[in-house]
Protein backbone atom coordinates (compact mmCIF):
# COMPACT_ATOMS: atom_id res chain seq x y z
CA MET A 1 17.41 -9.80 -9.45
CA GLY A 2 20.19 -8.33 -11.25
CA ILE A 3 18.12 -8.76 -14.45
CA ILE A 4 15.06 -6.91 -13.07
CA ILE A 5 17.21 -4.07 -11.95
CA LYS A 6 18.72 -3.73 -15.47
CA LEU A 7 15.38 -4.01 -17.21
CA ILE A 8 14.09 -0.85 -14.76
CA GLN A 9 17.27 0.82 -15.45
CA ASN A 10 16.91 0.59 -19.37
CA ILE A 11 13.08 1.59 -19.21
CA LEU A 12 14.29 4.84 -16.95
CA TYR A 13 17.03 5.53 -19.48
CA VAL A 14 15.09 5.06 -22.66
CA THR A 15 12.76 8.13 -21.50
CA ASN A 16 14.18 11.34 -22.91
CA ASP A 17 14.55 14.31 -20.77
CA SER A 18 14.35 16.95 -23.20
CA ASN A 19 10.79 18.08 -22.55
CA ASP A 20 8.40 18.44 -19.45
CA LYS A 21 6.10 15.61 -20.74
CA ALA A 22 8.67 13.03 -20.95
CA ARG A 23 10.08 14.24 -17.69
CA SER A 24 6.67 13.80 -15.90
CA ASP A 25 6.24 10.32 -17.76
CA LYS A 26 9.45 9.30 -16.19
CA GLN A 27 8.60 10.59 -12.62
CA THR A 28 5.44 8.72 -13.13
CA LEU A 29 6.99 5.38 -14.03
CA ILE A 30 9.50 5.87 -11.04
CA HIS A 31 6.63 6.56 -8.58
CA THR A 32 4.71 3.60 -10.17
CA LEU A 33 7.75 1.12 -9.70
CA ILE A 34 8.41 2.37 -6.01
CA MET A 35 4.88 1.60 -5.06
CA PHE A 36 4.88 -1.76 -6.66
CA SER A 37 8.16 -2.75 -5.12
CA ALA A 38 6.89 -1.32 -1.80
CA PHE A 39 3.53 -3.55 -2.34
CA VAL A 40 5.61 -6.69 -3.10
CA SER A 41 8.06 -6.25 -0.37
CA THR A 42 5.00 -5.64 2.15
CA LEU A 43 3.06 -8.58 0.76
CA VAL A 44 6.18 -11.05 1.14
CA LEU A 45 6.83 -9.64 4.70
CA MET A 46 2.99 -10.16 5.95
CA LEU A 47 3.14 -13.62 4.32
CA LEU A 48 6.41 -14.61 6.23
CA LEU A 49 5.08 -13.28 9.43
CA GLY A 50 1.69 -14.78 8.96
CA LYS A 51 3.12 -18.13 8.61
CA ILE A 52 4.92 -18.12 11.84
CA LEU A 53 2.13 -16.82 13.61
CA TRP A 54 -0.33 -19.15 11.90
CA ASN A 55 1.93 -22.28 12.78
CA ASP A 56 2.97 -21.09 16.35
CA TYR A 57 -0.19 -19.51 17.77
CA LEU A 58 -3.14 -20.37 15.67
CA THR A 59 -2.56 -24.18 15.54
CA GLU A 60 -2.29 -24.30 19.20
CA LEU A 61 -5.40 -22.46 20.05
CA VAL A 62 -7.87 -24.06 17.52
CA PRO A 63 -7.50 -27.87 17.43
CA GLY A 64 -8.91 -28.36 14.11
CA ILE A 65 -6.41 -25.87 12.04
CA LYS A 66 -3.46 -27.86 10.50
CA LYS A 67 -0.06 -26.02 9.99
CA VAL A 68 0.86 -24.43 6.61
CA ASP A 69 3.77 -25.71 4.73
CA SER A 70 4.62 -22.93 2.51
CA VAL A 71 4.08 -19.31 2.13
CA PHE A 72 2.10 -20.04 -1.13
CA GLN A 73 -0.63 -21.87 1.05
CA LEU A 74 -1.05 -18.75 3.14
CA ALA A 75 -1.19 -16.71 0.05
CA ALA A 76 -3.78 -19.13 -1.54
CA ILE A 77 -5.89 -19.01 2.02
CA PHE A 78 -5.62 -14.91 1.93
CA LEU A 79 -6.87 -14.81 -1.86
CA LEU A 80 -9.66 -17.19 -0.95
CA ILE A 81 -11.03 -14.91 1.93
CA GLN A 82 -10.73 -12.05 -0.36
CA LEU A 83 -12.79 -13.60 -2.90
CA MET A 84 -15.28 -14.56 -0.28
CA PHE A 85 -15.63 -11.34 0.94
């Protein structure tokens, strides 16, 4: 995790704030990194919550459904459903 933070800091410090375009590019990069990190953290949270709901409730209500062993299985199911629709 520390490597990722240092990489982001290096990307941000490389940009020179001497003109408006560089400042605008830096703000765009910051906003993009914030949106990407928000997307990733939301996805991780939803997958963890989805695994709990799947294993605790769905498997009890629907007899043919098996429990998922990992979050990656749930992510694969999500991706498959997105590709189908």
